[in-house]
C-alpha cells in the first residue's frame, strides 16, 4: 500500500491492512503516558472514502483494537447495502 505525507497529520500509519478489498490505515498519537488518541482512514483503491475518529483516550491496544473493529464494521455495513441511483461518496 502506498502512503504519502498527505495521508495524515500524524505521519505514517502505525498499522495498515486490507478488509474485503478496502485499504485501512490506523494512526495514533500519544497524549500522555499510556494514553492514545487517533483515527482510521478507509480507502477504496487510492480514494479516501471514510475517516473514523477515536472519541476518547485509550491505551494503545484498546485504541488499535477499537479502530480495527470500527473500520471493518463500516466496510461490512457499506458493502451489505444496495447502492442504486446516482448517489456517490462526497469528497473528503
N, C-alpha and C. Protein backbone atom coordinates (compact mmCIF):
# COMPACT_ATOMS: atom_id res chain seq x y z
N UNK A 1 0.84 -1.16 0.00
CA UNK A 1 0.00 0.00 0.00
C UNK A 1 0.89 1.23 0.00
N UNK A 2 0.60 2.17 -0.86
CA UNK A 2 1.38 3.39 -0.93
C UNK A 2 0.89 4.37 0.12
N UNK A 3 1.82 5.05 0.76
CA UNK A 3 1.48 6.05 1.74
C UNK A 3 2.26 7.31 1.41
N UNK A 4 1.65 8.47 1.62
CA UNK A 4 2.38 9.71 1.40
C UNK A 4 2.12 10.66 2.55
N UNK A 5 2.83 11.79 2.56
CA UNK A 5 2.75 12.72 3.68
C UNK A 5 1.39 13.36 3.81
N UNK A 6 0.55 13.29 2.79
CA UNK A 6 -0.78 13.88 2.87
C UNK A 6 -1.78 12.92 3.51
N UNK A 7 -1.38 11.68 3.79
CA UNK A 7 -2.29 10.72 4.37
C UNK A 7 -2.84 11.18 5.71
N UNK A 8 -2.00 11.75 6.55
CA UNK A 8 -2.42 12.10 7.89
C UNK A 8 -1.52 13.16 8.48
N UNK A 9 -2.10 13.96 9.35
CA UNK A 9 -1.31 14.93 10.09
C UNK A 9 -0.40 14.23 11.10
N UNK A 10 -0.69 12.97 11.41
CA UNK A 10 0.06 12.22 12.42
C UNK A 10 1.23 11.44 11.84
N UNK A 11 1.54 11.60 10.57
CA UNK A 11 2.64 10.88 9.96
C UNK A 11 2.21 9.55 9.39
N UNK A 12 3.12 8.60 9.39
CA UNK A 12 2.85 7.29 8.80
C UNK A 12 1.88 6.49 9.67
N UNK A 13 1.07 5.66 9.03
CA UNK A 13 0.15 4.83 9.83
C UNK A 13 0.93 3.85 10.70
N UNK A 14 0.38 3.55 11.89
CA UNK A 14 1.03 2.56 12.74
C UNK A 14 0.63 1.15 12.35
N UNK A 15 -0.48 1.05 11.60
CA UNK A 15 -0.93 -0.24 11.12
C UNK A 15 -1.73 -0.03 9.85
N UNK A 16 -1.53 -0.91 8.86
CA UNK A 16 -2.29 -0.90 7.62
C UNK A 16 -2.73 -2.32 7.32
N UNK A 17 -3.95 -2.47 6.82
CA UNK A 17 -4.42 -3.79 6.43
C UNK A 17 -5.52 -3.63 5.40
N UNK A 18 -5.88 -4.74 4.78
CA UNK A 18 -6.96 -4.75 3.79
C UNK A 18 -8.12 -5.53 4.36
N UNK A 19 -9.33 -5.01 4.14
CA UNK A 19 -10.54 -5.71 4.58
C UNK A 19 -11.53 -5.70 3.44
N UNK A 20 -11.79 -6.88 2.90
CA UNK A 20 -12.76 -7.07 1.81
C UNK A 20 -12.46 -6.15 0.62
N UNK A 21 -11.18 -5.98 0.34
CA UNK A 21 -10.76 -5.19 -0.82
C UNK A 21 -10.59 -3.71 -0.54
N UNK A 22 -10.84 -3.27 0.67
CA UNK A 22 -10.66 -1.86 1.06
C UNK A 22 -9.38 -1.76 1.89
N UNK A 23 -8.63 -0.68 1.71
CA UNK A 23 -7.40 -0.46 2.47
C UNK A 23 -7.71 0.38 3.70
N UNK A 24 -7.15 -0.04 4.83
CA UNK A 24 -7.40 0.62 6.11
C UNK A 24 -6.05 1.04 6.70
N UNK A 25 -5.98 2.29 7.17
CA UNK A 25 -4.75 2.82 7.77
C UNK A 25 -5.08 3.43 9.13
N UNK A 26 -4.40 2.94 10.15
CA UNK A 26 -4.63 3.40 11.51
C UNK A 26 -3.51 4.34 11.94
N UNK A 27 -3.90 5.47 12.53
CA UNK A 27 -2.96 6.48 13.02
C UNK A 27 -3.24 6.73 14.49
N UNK A 28 -2.17 6.78 15.31
CA UNK A 28 -2.31 7.08 16.73
C UNK A 28 -1.35 8.19 17.12
N UNK A 29 -1.74 8.89 18.16
CA UNK A 29 -0.88 9.91 18.75
C UNK A 29 -0.93 9.73 20.26
N UNK A 30 0.23 9.69 20.88
CA UNK A 30 0.31 9.54 22.33
C UNK A 30 0.06 10.89 22.97
N UNK A 31 -0.92 10.97 23.87
CA UNK A 31 -1.24 12.25 24.51
C UNK A 31 -0.73 12.33 25.94
N UNK A 32 -0.48 11.19 26.56
CA UNK A 32 0.13 11.13 27.88
C UNK A 32 0.61 9.70 28.09
N UNK A 33 1.19 9.43 29.23
CA UNK A 33 1.71 8.09 29.47
C UNK A 33 0.61 7.05 29.31
N UNK A 34 0.79 6.14 28.36
CA UNK A 34 -0.14 5.05 28.09
C UNK A 34 -1.53 5.50 27.63
N UNK A 35 -1.65 6.71 27.11
CA UNK A 35 -2.94 7.19 26.62
C UNK A 35 -2.79 7.68 25.18
N UNK A 36 -3.67 7.18 24.30
CA UNK A 36 -3.58 7.47 22.87
C UNK A 36 -4.92 7.97 22.34
N UNK A 37 -4.84 8.79 21.31
CA UNK A 37 -6.00 9.17 20.50
C UNK A 37 -5.62 8.88 19.06
N UNK A 38 -6.59 8.83 18.16
CA UNK A 38 -6.24 8.56 16.78
C UNK A 38 -7.44 8.47 15.88
N UNK A 39 -7.16 8.01 14.67
CA UNK A 39 -8.22 7.84 13.68
C UNK A 39 -7.82 6.74 12.70
N UNK A 40 -8.80 6.34 11.91
CA UNK A 40 -8.56 5.37 10.85
C UNK A 40 -9.08 5.98 9.54
N UNK A 41 -8.30 5.86 8.48
CA UNK A 41 -8.72 6.27 7.15
C UNK A 41 -8.99 5.01 6.34
N UNK A 42 -10.13 5.01 5.62
CA UNK A 42 -10.55 3.85 4.83
C UNK A 42 -10.55 4.25 3.36
N UNK A 43 -9.84 3.47 2.54
CA UNK A 43 -9.67 3.78 1.13
C UNK A 43 -10.31 2.71 0.26
N UNK A 44 -10.96 3.17 -0.80
CA UNK A 44 -11.41 2.30 -1.88
C UNK A 44 -10.44 2.58 -3.03
N UNK A 45 -9.56 1.63 -3.29
CA UNK A 45 -8.48 1.91 -4.24
C UNK A 45 -7.58 2.99 -3.65
N UNK A 46 -7.33 4.05 -4.42
CA UNK A 46 -6.49 5.14 -3.94
C UNK A 46 -7.31 6.31 -3.38
N UNK A 47 -8.64 6.14 -3.30
CA UNK A 47 -9.51 7.23 -2.89
C UNK A 47 -9.97 7.05 -1.45
N UNK A 48 -9.69 8.06 -0.60
CA UNK A 48 -10.15 8.00 0.78
C UNK A 48 -11.66 8.17 0.79
N UNK A 49 -12.36 7.21 1.43
CA UNK A 49 -13.82 7.23 1.47
C UNK A 49 -14.38 7.55 2.85
N UNK A 50 -13.60 7.28 3.90
CA UNK A 50 -14.13 7.47 5.25
C UNK A 50 -13.00 7.71 6.23
N UNK A 51 -13.28 8.53 7.24
CA UNK A 51 -12.38 8.69 8.38
C UNK A 51 -13.21 8.49 9.64
N UNK A 52 -12.73 7.62 10.50
CA UNK A 52 -13.37 7.37 11.79
C UNK A 52 -12.41 7.86 12.87
N UNK A 53 -12.91 8.71 13.75
CA UNK A 53 -12.08 9.31 14.79
C UNK A 53 -12.38 8.63 16.12
N UNK A 54 -11.32 8.34 16.86
CA UNK A 54 -11.46 7.74 18.18
C UNK A 54 -11.93 8.82 19.15
N UNK A 55 -13.07 8.58 19.78
CA UNK A 55 -13.71 9.61 20.60
C UNK A 55 -13.02 9.85 21.94
N UNK A 56 -12.43 8.85 22.51
CA UNK A 56 -11.84 9.04 23.83
C UNK A 56 -10.46 8.44 23.93
N UNK A 57 -9.68 8.91 24.87
CA UNK A 57 -8.33 8.37 25.04
C UNK A 57 -8.36 6.94 25.60
N UNK A 58 -7.55 6.09 25.02
CA UNK A 58 -7.45 4.69 25.43
C UNK A 58 -5.98 4.29 25.46
N UNK A 59 -5.69 3.11 26.01
CA UNK A 59 -4.32 2.63 25.89
C UNK A 59 -4.10 2.19 24.44
N UNK A 60 -2.84 1.93 24.08
CA UNK A 60 -2.52 1.64 22.68
C UNK A 60 -3.27 0.42 22.16
N UNK A 61 -3.31 -0.66 22.91
CA UNK A 61 -4.00 -1.87 22.47
C UNK A 61 -5.49 -1.60 22.23
N UNK A 62 -6.14 -0.93 23.19
CA UNK A 62 -7.57 -0.63 23.06
C UNK A 62 -7.84 0.27 21.86
N UNK A 63 -6.98 1.26 21.65
CA UNK A 63 -7.17 2.19 20.54
C UNK A 63 -7.08 1.47 19.20
N UNK A 64 -6.05 0.65 19.01
CA UNK A 64 -5.88 -0.08 17.76
C UNK A 64 -7.03 -1.06 17.56
N UNK A 65 -7.37 -1.80 18.60
CA UNK A 65 -8.45 -2.78 18.51
C UNK A 65 -9.78 -2.11 18.16
N UNK A 66 -10.08 -1.01 18.81
CA UNK A 66 -11.33 -0.28 18.55
C UNK A 66 -11.38 0.22 17.12
N UNK A 67 -10.28 0.80 16.64
CA UNK A 67 -10.26 1.32 15.27
C UNK A 67 -10.32 0.20 14.23
N UNK A 68 -9.67 -0.93 14.50
CA UNK A 68 -9.77 -2.08 13.60
C UNK A 68 -11.23 -2.55 13.48
N UNK A 69 -11.88 -2.70 14.60
CA UNK A 69 -13.26 -3.19 14.61
C UNK A 69 -14.20 -2.20 13.93
N UNK A 70 -14.09 -0.93 14.27
CA UNK A 70 -14.99 0.06 13.68
C UNK A 70 -14.79 0.20 12.18
N UNK A 71 -13.56 0.11 11.71
CA UNK A 71 -13.33 0.23 10.27
C UNK A 71 -13.87 -0.99 9.53
N UNK A 72 -13.65 -2.18 10.06
CA UNK A 72 -14.19 -3.39 9.42
C UNK A 72 -15.71 -3.36 9.43
N UNK A 73 -16.31 -2.91 10.53
CA UNK A 73 -17.77 -2.81 10.60
C UNK A 73 -18.30 -1.81 9.57
N UNK A 74 -17.60 -0.70 9.39
CA UNK A 74 -18.04 0.30 8.41
C UNK A 74 -18.02 -0.28 7.00
N UNK A 75 -16.93 -0.96 6.63
CA UNK A 75 -16.83 -1.57 5.29
C UNK A 75 -17.92 -2.62 5.12
N UNK A 76 -18.09 -3.49 6.11
CA UNK A 76 -19.12 -4.53 6.02
C UNK A 76 -20.51 -3.92 5.86
N UNK A 77 -20.80 -2.87 6.61
CA UNK A 77 -22.10 -2.22 6.51
C UNK A 77 -22.30 -1.61 5.13
N UNK A 78 -21.29 -0.91 4.63
CA UNK A 78 -21.41 -0.27 3.32
C UNK A 78 -21.61 -1.31 2.22
N UNK A 79 -20.87 -2.41 2.29
CA UNK A 79 -20.99 -3.45 1.27
C UNK A 79 -22.30 -4.22 1.37
N UNK A 80 -22.93 -4.23 2.53
CA UNK A 80 -24.16 -5.01 2.71
C UNK A 80 -25.40 -4.28 2.18
N UNK A 81 -25.31 -2.97 1.95
CA UNK A 81 -26.48 -2.20 1.50
C UNK A 81 -26.54 -2.16 -0.02
N UNK A 82 -27.75 -2.14 -0.56
CA UNK A 82 -27.87 -1.94 -2.01
C UNK A 82 -27.51 -0.50 -2.37
N UNK A 83 -26.84 -0.33 -3.49
CA UNK A 83 -26.43 1.00 -3.94
C UNK A 83 -27.06 1.23 -5.31
N UNK A 84 -28.13 1.99 -5.31
CA UNK A 84 -28.84 2.27 -6.55
C UNK A 84 -28.88 3.77 -6.78
N UNK A 85 -29.26 4.15 -7.96
CA UNK A 85 -29.34 5.58 -8.29
C UNK A 85 -27.98 6.16 -8.62
N UNK A 86 -27.92 7.47 -8.58
CA UNK A 86 -26.69 8.15 -8.97
C UNK A 86 -25.97 8.80 -7.79
N UNK A 87 -26.25 8.33 -6.56
CA UNK A 87 -25.54 8.87 -5.41
C UNK A 87 -24.17 8.26 -5.32
N UNK A 88 -23.25 9.00 -4.76
CA UNK A 88 -21.87 8.53 -4.61
C UNK A 88 -21.30 9.16 -3.36
N UNK A 89 -20.06 8.85 -3.06
CA UNK A 89 -19.38 9.44 -1.93
C UNK A 89 -19.14 10.92 -2.14
N UNK A 90 -19.09 11.67 -1.05
CA UNK A 90 -18.66 13.06 -1.10
C UNK A 90 -17.15 13.09 -0.98
N UNK A 91 -16.54 14.13 -1.52
CA UNK A 91 -15.08 14.26 -1.41
C UNK A 91 -14.71 14.54 0.04
N UNK A 92 -13.65 13.88 0.50
CA UNK A 92 -13.15 14.13 1.87
C UNK A 92 -11.96 15.06 1.81
